[in-house]
Amino acid sequence: MSAPDLARARGFDPGGVLGDGLPHVRERPLKTDRERWDGDYKSSEAAAALIAANPKKQMIGADGALAFKSVGFPAGTSELGQVIGYCQTVRNNLFHGGKSSSDGFDSPERTKMLLSIVLVVLEELASAFDLGADYTGYY
């Protein structure tokens, strides 16, 4: 097998998706993994708590102020899909959301609560789907 073919088989694009000729990791749709794992997924207390907490997506409103909008899931989205979507929402709000307090800012107490739930859920998912080494970075 040639080096470019081997790189492609390992998930890299040796041609460079950015046009710079350097290898870049090719994006794989999570949908494939979700579909593969959906049948083996078992709900947990933490996953139910995350869904019940209903994390909102932080947006910039029409007036430029921070606002929170419900995460919309397509009809038929599995519980695993919702749990992963909510985990991603909490992560995105933490890394990309507003950093200063304002009238529309989600409370620090709620943020801490959501983070603690998400950490439990991620650990459960990593354990359930044999991704522990990837999750912890310990090989």
N, C-alpha and C. Protein backbone atom coordinates (compact mmCIF):
# COMPACT_ATOMS: atom_id res chain seq x y z
N MET A 1 0.85 -1.17 0.00
CA MET A 1 0.00 0.00 0.00
C MET A 1 0.90 1.24 0.00
N SER A 2 0.57 2.19 -0.84
CA SER A 2 1.37 3.41 -0.92
C SER A 2 1.17 4.27 0.33
N ALA A 3 2.11 5.16 0.58
CA ALA A 3 2.03 6.02 1.75
C ALA A 3 0.75 6.88 1.74
N PRO A 4 0.36 7.48 0.59
CA PRO A 4 -0.89 8.25 0.59
C PRO A 4 -2.11 7.38 0.87
N ASP A 5 -2.13 6.15 0.32
CA ASP A 5 -3.26 5.26 0.59
C ASP A 5 -3.31 4.86 2.05
N LEU A 6 -2.15 4.60 2.65
CA LEU A 6 -2.08 4.26 4.06
C LEU A 6 -2.57 5.43 4.90
N ALA A 7 -2.16 6.63 4.55
CA ALA A 7 -2.59 7.83 5.28
C ALA A 7 -4.11 7.98 5.20
N ARG A 8 -4.68 7.78 4.00
CA ARG A 8 -6.14 7.86 3.83
C ARG A 8 -6.84 6.81 4.68
N ALA A 9 -6.32 5.60 4.73
CA ALA A 9 -6.92 4.53 5.51
C ALA A 9 -6.91 4.86 6.99
N ARG A 10 -5.95 5.66 7.42
CA ARG A 10 -5.87 6.05 8.83
C ARG A 10 -6.61 7.34 9.13
N GLY A 11 -7.33 7.87 8.15
CA GLY A 11 -8.16 9.05 8.39
C GLY A 11 -7.49 10.37 8.06
N PHE A 12 -6.38 10.35 7.34
CA PHE A 12 -5.71 11.58 6.96
C PHE A 12 -5.90 11.84 5.48
N ASP A 13 -5.82 13.08 5.10
CA ASP A 13 -5.92 13.47 3.70
C ASP A 13 -4.56 13.97 3.27
N PRO A 14 -3.73 13.10 2.66
CA PRO A 14 -2.37 13.52 2.32
C PRO A 14 -2.32 14.63 1.28
N GLY A 15 -3.40 14.85 0.55
CA GLY A 15 -3.42 15.93 -0.43
C GLY A 15 -3.61 17.28 0.21
N GLY A 16 -4.06 17.29 1.46
CA GLY A 16 -4.26 18.54 2.16
C GLY A 16 -5.59 19.16 1.83
N VAL A 17 -6.57 19.00 2.73
CA VAL A 17 -7.90 19.56 2.48
C VAL A 17 -7.88 21.08 2.45
N LEU A 18 -6.82 21.65 2.98
CA LEU A 18 -6.72 23.11 2.98
C LEU A 18 -5.94 23.62 1.77
N GLY A 19 -5.53 22.70 0.90
CA GLY A 19 -4.82 23.09 -0.30
C GLY A 19 -3.36 23.43 -0.07
N ASP A 20 -2.85 23.12 1.12
CA ASP A 20 -1.46 23.47 1.40
C ASP A 20 -0.51 22.28 1.25
N GLY A 21 -1.05 21.13 0.82
CA GLY A 21 -0.22 19.95 0.60
C GLY A 21 0.17 19.22 1.87
N LEU A 22 -0.24 19.72 3.03
CA LEU A 22 0.08 19.06 4.29
C LEU A 22 -1.04 18.10 4.68
N PRO A 23 -0.71 17.04 5.41
CA PRO A 23 -1.77 16.11 5.83
C PRO A 23 -2.63 16.73 6.93
N HIS A 24 -3.91 16.58 6.79
CA HIS A 24 -4.87 17.07 7.78
C HIS A 24 -5.83 15.94 8.09
N VAL A 25 -6.27 15.90 9.34
CA VAL A 25 -7.25 14.89 9.71
C VAL A 25 -8.54 15.18 8.95
N ARG A 26 -9.06 14.16 8.31
CA ARG A 26 -10.33 14.28 7.60
C ARG A 26 -11.45 14.21 8.62
N GLU A 27 -12.45 15.02 8.46
CA GLU A 27 -13.58 14.95 9.37
C GLU A 27 -14.42 13.74 9.04
N ARG A 28 -14.72 12.96 10.07
CA ARG A 28 -15.65 11.84 9.93
C ARG A 28 -16.96 12.28 10.56
N PRO A 29 -18.05 12.04 9.93
CA PRO A 29 -19.32 12.43 10.54
C PRO A 29 -19.59 11.61 11.79
N LEU A 30 -19.92 12.29 12.90
CA LEU A 30 -20.25 11.58 14.13
C LEU A 30 -21.49 10.72 13.96
N LYS A 31 -22.31 11.09 12.98
CA LYS A 31 -23.54 10.33 12.76
C LYS A 31 -23.25 8.84 12.59
N THR A 32 -22.18 8.50 11.91
CA THR A 32 -21.82 7.11 11.70
C THR A 32 -21.58 6.42 13.03
N ASP A 33 -20.80 7.06 13.91
CA ASP A 33 -20.53 6.48 15.22
C ASP A 33 -21.80 6.41 16.06
N ARG A 34 -22.60 7.45 16.01
CA ARG A 34 -23.85 7.45 16.79
C ARG A 34 -24.74 6.30 16.34
N GLU A 35 -24.87 6.13 15.04
CA GLU A 35 -25.71 5.04 14.54
C GLU A 35 -25.15 3.69 14.98
N ARG A 36 -23.83 3.56 14.94
CA ARG A 36 -23.20 2.30 15.31
C ARG A 36 -23.41 2.00 16.79
N TRP A 37 -23.35 3.04 17.63
CA TRP A 37 -23.43 2.83 19.07
C TRP A 37 -24.84 2.91 19.63
N ASP A 38 -25.76 3.45 18.86
CA ASP A 38 -27.12 3.66 19.35
C ASP A 38 -27.75 2.41 19.95
N GLY A 39 -27.58 1.28 19.28
CA GLY A 39 -28.20 0.04 19.76
C GLY A 39 -27.63 -0.45 21.07
N ASP A 40 -26.38 -0.08 21.36
CA ASP A 40 -25.72 -0.53 22.59
C ASP A 40 -25.85 0.48 23.72
N TYR A 41 -26.40 1.64 23.44
CA TYR A 41 -26.47 2.70 24.44
C TYR A 41 -27.49 2.38 25.51
N LYS A 42 -27.07 2.56 26.77
CA LYS A 42 -27.96 2.38 27.91
C LYS A 42 -28.01 3.71 28.65
N SER A 43 -29.20 4.21 28.83
CA SER A 43 -29.38 5.49 29.51
C SER A 43 -28.88 5.39 30.95
N SER A 44 -28.51 6.53 31.49
CA SER A 44 -28.04 6.57 32.87
C SER A 44 -28.74 7.71 33.61
N GLU A 45 -28.53 7.73 34.91
CA GLU A 45 -29.10 8.79 35.72
C GLU A 45 -28.52 10.15 35.29
N ALA A 46 -27.22 10.17 35.02
CA ALA A 46 -26.57 11.42 34.60
C ALA A 46 -27.09 11.88 33.24
N ALA A 47 -27.29 10.94 32.31
CA ALA A 47 -27.81 11.30 30.99
C ALA A 47 -29.23 11.86 31.11
N ALA A 48 -30.05 11.24 31.94
CA ALA A 48 -31.41 11.74 32.17
C ALA A 48 -31.38 13.13 32.80
N ALA A 49 -30.44 13.35 33.73
CA ALA A 49 -30.32 14.67 34.37
C ALA A 49 -29.89 15.73 33.36
N LEU A 50 -29.01 15.35 32.43
CA LEU A 50 -28.56 16.30 31.41
C LEU A 50 -29.72 16.68 30.49
N ILE A 51 -30.49 15.70 30.08
CA ILE A 51 -31.64 15.98 29.22
C ILE A 51 -32.66 16.84 29.96
N ALA A 52 -32.89 16.52 31.23
CA ALA A 52 -33.85 17.30 32.03
C ALA A 52 -33.36 18.74 32.23
N ALA A 53 -32.04 18.92 32.36
CA ALA A 53 -31.49 20.27 32.55
C ALA A 53 -31.64 21.12 31.30
N ASN A 54 -31.77 20.47 30.14
CA ASN A 54 -32.03 21.16 28.88
C ASN A 54 -31.09 22.34 28.63
N PRO A 55 -29.77 22.04 28.48
CA PRO A 55 -28.83 23.14 28.21
C PRO A 55 -29.24 23.93 26.96
N LYS A 56 -29.09 25.21 27.04
CA LYS A 56 -29.42 26.09 25.92
C LYS A 56 -28.15 26.51 25.20
N LYS A 57 -28.30 26.82 23.93
CA LYS A 57 -27.19 27.27 23.10
C LYS A 57 -27.08 28.78 23.25
N GLN A 58 -25.88 29.26 23.58
CA GLN A 58 -25.69 30.69 23.73
C GLN A 58 -25.50 31.32 22.36
N MET A 59 -26.25 32.37 22.11
CA MET A 59 -26.24 33.05 20.82
C MET A 59 -26.07 34.55 21.06
N ILE A 60 -25.76 35.25 20.00
CA ILE A 60 -25.78 36.72 20.05
C ILE A 60 -27.10 37.14 19.43
N GLY A 61 -27.89 37.83 20.21
CA GLY A 61 -29.22 38.24 19.76
C GLY A 61 -29.15 39.35 18.73
N ALA A 62 -30.30 39.68 18.17
CA ALA A 62 -30.40 40.71 17.14
C ALA A 62 -29.87 42.05 17.64
N ASP A 63 -30.03 42.31 18.95
CA ASP A 63 -29.56 43.57 19.51
C ASP A 63 -28.10 43.52 19.95
N GLY A 64 -27.43 42.38 19.70
CA GLY A 64 -26.03 42.23 20.06
C GLY A 64 -25.81 41.70 21.46
N ALA A 65 -26.90 41.53 22.21
CA ALA A 65 -26.78 40.99 23.57
C ALA A 65 -26.77 39.47 23.54
N LEU A 66 -26.21 38.89 24.59
CA LEU A 66 -26.19 37.43 24.69
C LEU A 66 -27.59 36.91 24.96
N ALA A 67 -27.91 35.82 24.31
CA ALA A 67 -29.22 35.19 24.49
C ALA A 67 -29.03 33.68 24.47
N PHE A 68 -29.97 32.96 25.05
CA PHE A 68 -29.93 31.51 25.05
C PHE A 68 -31.12 30.97 24.28
N LYS A 69 -30.84 30.02 23.40
CA LYS A 69 -31.85 29.44 22.52
C LYS A 69 -31.88 27.93 22.75
N SER A 70 -33.05 27.36 22.70
CA SER A 70 -33.16 25.91 22.85
C SER A 70 -32.41 25.21 21.73
N VAL A 71 -31.80 24.08 22.08
CA VAL A 71 -31.12 23.27 21.07
C VAL A 71 -32.20 22.50 20.33
N GLY A 72 -32.23 22.61 19.03
CA GLY A 72 -33.23 21.91 18.24
C GLY A 72 -32.68 20.59 17.72
N PHE A 73 -33.37 19.51 18.03
CA PHE A 73 -32.98 18.21 17.50
C PHE A 73 -34.00 17.78 16.47
N PRO A 74 -33.54 17.22 15.36
CA PRO A 74 -34.48 16.71 14.36
C PRO A 74 -35.38 15.63 14.96
N ALA A 75 -36.57 15.51 14.44
CA ALA A 75 -37.49 14.46 14.91
C ALA A 75 -36.81 13.11 14.77
N GLY A 76 -36.99 12.28 15.76
CA GLY A 76 -36.42 10.94 15.72
C GLY A 76 -35.00 10.85 16.24
N THR A 77 -34.44 11.97 16.75
CA THR A 77 -33.09 11.92 17.31
C THR A 77 -33.11 11.03 18.53
N SER A 78 -32.20 10.08 18.57
CA SER A 78 -32.14 9.14 19.69
C SER A 78 -31.69 9.84 20.96
N GLU A 79 -31.86 9.14 22.09
CA GLU A 79 -31.40 9.70 23.36
C GLU A 79 -29.89 9.90 23.34
N LEU A 80 -29.16 8.95 22.75
CA LEU A 80 -27.71 9.10 22.64
C LEU A 80 -27.37 10.35 21.83
N GLY A 81 -28.06 10.58 20.74
CA GLY A 81 -27.83 11.78 19.92
C GLY A 81 -28.10 13.06 20.70
N GLN A 82 -29.15 13.05 21.52
CA GLN A 82 -29.47 14.22 22.33
C GLN A 82 -28.39 14.45 23.40
N VAL A 83 -27.98 13.36 24.05
CA VAL A 83 -26.96 13.47 25.10
C VAL A 83 -25.67 14.03 24.52
N ILE A 84 -25.23 13.51 23.38
CA ILE A 84 -24.01 14.01 22.75
C ILE A 84 -24.19 15.46 22.32
N GLY A 85 -25.35 15.79 21.77
CA GLY A 85 -25.63 17.17 21.37
C GLY A 85 -25.60 18.14 22.54
N TYR A 86 -26.17 17.74 23.67
CA TYR A 86 -26.15 18.60 24.86
C TYR A 86 -24.74 18.73 25.42
N CYS A 87 -23.96 17.64 25.41
CA CYS A 87 -22.56 17.72 25.86
C CYS A 87 -21.80 18.73 25.00
N GLN A 88 -22.02 18.67 23.70
CA GLN A 88 -21.34 19.59 22.78
C GLN A 88 -21.80 21.03 23.04
N THR A 89 -23.07 21.23 23.33
CA THR A 89 -23.59 22.57 23.61
C THR A 89 -22.94 23.16 24.85
N VAL A 90 -22.84 22.35 25.92
CA VAL A 90 -22.21 22.83 27.15
C VAL A 90 -20.75 23.19 26.88
N ARG A 91 -20.06 22.32 26.14
CA ARG A 91 -18.66 22.58 25.79
C ARG A 91 -18.53 23.87 24.98
N ASN A 92 -19.36 24.03 23.97
CA ASN A 92 -19.28 25.21 23.11
C ASN A 92 -19.58 26.49 23.89
N ASN A 93 -20.57 26.43 24.78
CA ASN A 93 -20.88 27.61 25.60
C ASN A 93 -19.68 27.97 26.48
N LEU A 94 -19.02 26.96 27.03
CA LEU A 94 -17.88 27.21 27.91
C LEU A 94 -16.72 27.83 27.14
N PHE A 95 -16.40 27.27 25.97
CA PHE A 95 -15.24 27.74 25.22
C PHE A 95 -15.52 28.96 24.36
N HIS A 96 -16.72 29.09 23.84
CA HIS A 96 -17.02 30.16 22.89
C HIS A 96 -18.01 31.19 23.41
N GLY A 97 -18.64 30.92 24.54
CA GLY A 97 -19.67 31.82 25.05
C GLY A 97 -19.09 33.07 25.68
N GLY A 98 -20.00 33.97 26.06
CA GLY A 98 -19.60 35.21 26.72
C GLY A 98 -18.93 34.93 28.04
N LYS A 99 -17.96 35.74 28.39
CA LYS A 99 -17.19 35.52 29.61
C LYS A 99 -17.53 36.52 30.71
N SER A 100 -18.42 37.44 30.42
CA SER A 100 -18.77 38.41 31.44
C SER A 100 -20.25 38.28 31.77
N SER A 101 -20.57 38.68 32.96
CA SER A 101 -21.94 38.56 33.43
C SER A 101 -22.81 39.64 32.79
N SER A 102 -23.99 39.26 32.41
CA SER A 102 -24.96 40.22 31.88
C SER A 102 -26.35 39.71 32.23
N ASP A 103 -27.35 40.46 31.93
CA ASP A 103 -28.71 40.06 32.29
C ASP A 103 -29.09 38.70 31.71
N GLY A 104 -28.64 38.40 30.49
CA GLY A 104 -29.00 37.15 29.85
C GLY A 104 -28.04 36.02 30.12
N PHE A 105 -27.00 36.27 30.93
CA PHE A 105 -25.96 35.27 31.15
C PHE A 105 -26.47 34.16 32.06
N ASP A 106 -26.21 32.95 31.66
CA ASP A 106 -26.57 31.79 32.46
C ASP A 106 -25.77 31.85 33.76
N SER A 107 -26.39 31.50 34.86
CA SER A 107 -25.75 31.64 36.16
C SER A 107 -24.54 30.73 36.30
N PRO A 108 -23.52 31.17 37.04
CA PRO A 108 -22.35 30.33 37.28
C PRO A 108 -22.72 29.02 37.97
N GLU A 109 -23.72 29.05 38.85
CA GLU A 109 -24.15 27.82 39.54
C GLU A 109 -24.69 26.81 38.54
N ARG A 110 -25.48 27.28 37.59
CA ARG A 110 -26.03 26.37 36.58
C ARG A 110 -24.91 25.84 35.68
N THR A 111 -23.97 26.69 35.33
CA THR A 111 -22.84 26.26 34.50
C THR A 111 -22.05 25.16 35.21
N LYS A 112 -21.77 25.35 36.50
CA LYS A 112 -21.05 24.33 37.27
C LYS A 112 -21.84 23.03 37.33
N MET A 113 -23.15 23.13 37.52
CA MET A 113 -24.00 21.95 37.57
C MET A 113 -23.96 21.21 36.24
N LEU A 114 -24.09 21.94 35.13
CA LEU A 114 -24.06 21.32 33.81
C LEU A 114 -22.71 20.66 33.54
N LEU A 115 -21.63 21.34 33.90
CA LEU A 115 -20.30 20.76 33.70
C LEU A 115 -20.11 19.49 34.50
N SER A 116 -20.58 19.47 35.73
CA SER A 116 -20.42 18.26 36.54
C SER A 116 -21.21 17.09 35.95
N ILE A 117 -22.39 17.36 35.43
CA ILE A 117 -23.20 16.31 34.79
C ILE A 117 -22.50 15.82 33.52
N VAL A 118 -22.04 16.76 32.70
CA VAL A 118 -21.39 16.40 31.43
C VAL A 118 -20.15 15.55 31.68
N LEU A 119 -19.36 15.88 32.69
CA LEU A 119 -18.17 15.08 32.98
C LEU A 119 -18.53 13.64 33.33
N VAL A 120 -19.59 13.45 34.09
CA VAL A 120 -20.04 12.09 34.43
C VAL A 120 -20.51 11.38 33.16
N VAL A 121 -21.31 12.06 32.35
CA VAL A 121 -21.83 11.46 31.11
C VAL A 121 -20.69 11.07 30.18
N LEU A 122 -19.71 11.95 29.99
CA LEU A 122 -18.59 11.65 29.11
C LEU A 122 -17.80 10.44 29.60
N GLU A 123 -17.59 10.36 30.90
CA GLU A 123 -16.88 9.20 31.45
C GLU A 123 -17.69 7.92 31.23
N GLU A 124 -18.99 7.99 31.41
CA GLU A 124 -19.85 6.82 31.16
C GLU A 124 -19.80 6.39 29.70
N LEU A 125 -19.88 7.37 28.79
CA LEU A 125 -19.84 7.04 27.36
C LEU A 125 -18.48 6.45 26.97
N ALA A 126 -17.41 7.04 27.48
CA ALA A 126 -16.07 6.53 27.18
C ALA A 126 -15.92 5.09 27.66
N SER A 127 -16.45 4.81 28.84
CA SER A 127 -16.37 3.46 29.39
C SER A 127 -17.26 2.49 28.61
N ALA A 128 -18.47 2.91 28.31
CA ALA A 128 -19.43 2.03 27.62
C ALA A 128 -18.99 1.66 26.22
N PHE A 129 -18.29 2.56 25.54
CA PHE A 129 -17.92 2.33 24.14
C PHE A 129 -16.43 2.11 23.96
N ASP A 130 -15.77 1.72 25.05
CA ASP A 130 -14.35 1.36 25.02
C ASP A 130 -13.49 2.48 24.43
N LEU A 131 -13.74 3.69 24.90
CA LEU A 131 -12.98 4.85 24.44
C LEU A 131 -12.20 5.48 25.60
N GLY A 132 -12.03 4.71 26.67
CA GLY A 132 -11.38 5.23 27.87
C GLY A 132 -10.01 5.82 27.62
N ALA A 133 -9.18 5.13 26.83
CA ALA A 133 -7.83 5.64 26.57
C ALA A 133 -7.88 6.95 25.79
N ASP A 134 -8.81 7.06 24.84
CA ASP A 134 -8.95 8.31 24.08
C ASP A 134 -9.45 9.43 24.98
N TYR A 135 -10.37 9.10 25.89
CA TYR A 135 -10.96 10.11 26.76
C TYR A 135 -9.95 10.63 27.77
N THR A 136 -9.18 9.71 28.36
CA THR A 136 -8.23 10.13 29.39
C THR A 136 -6.88 10.54 28.82
N GLY A 137 -6.60 10.13 27.58
CA GLY A 137 -5.30 10.42 26.98
C GLY A 137 -4.20 9.54 27.54
N TYR A 138 -4.60 8.46 28.21
CA TYR A 138 -3.64 7.52 28.80
C TYR A 138 -3.62 6.26 27.95
N TYR A 139 -2.46 5.98 27.33
CA TYR A 139 -2.35 4.83 26.44
C TYR A 139 -1.36 3.83 26.96
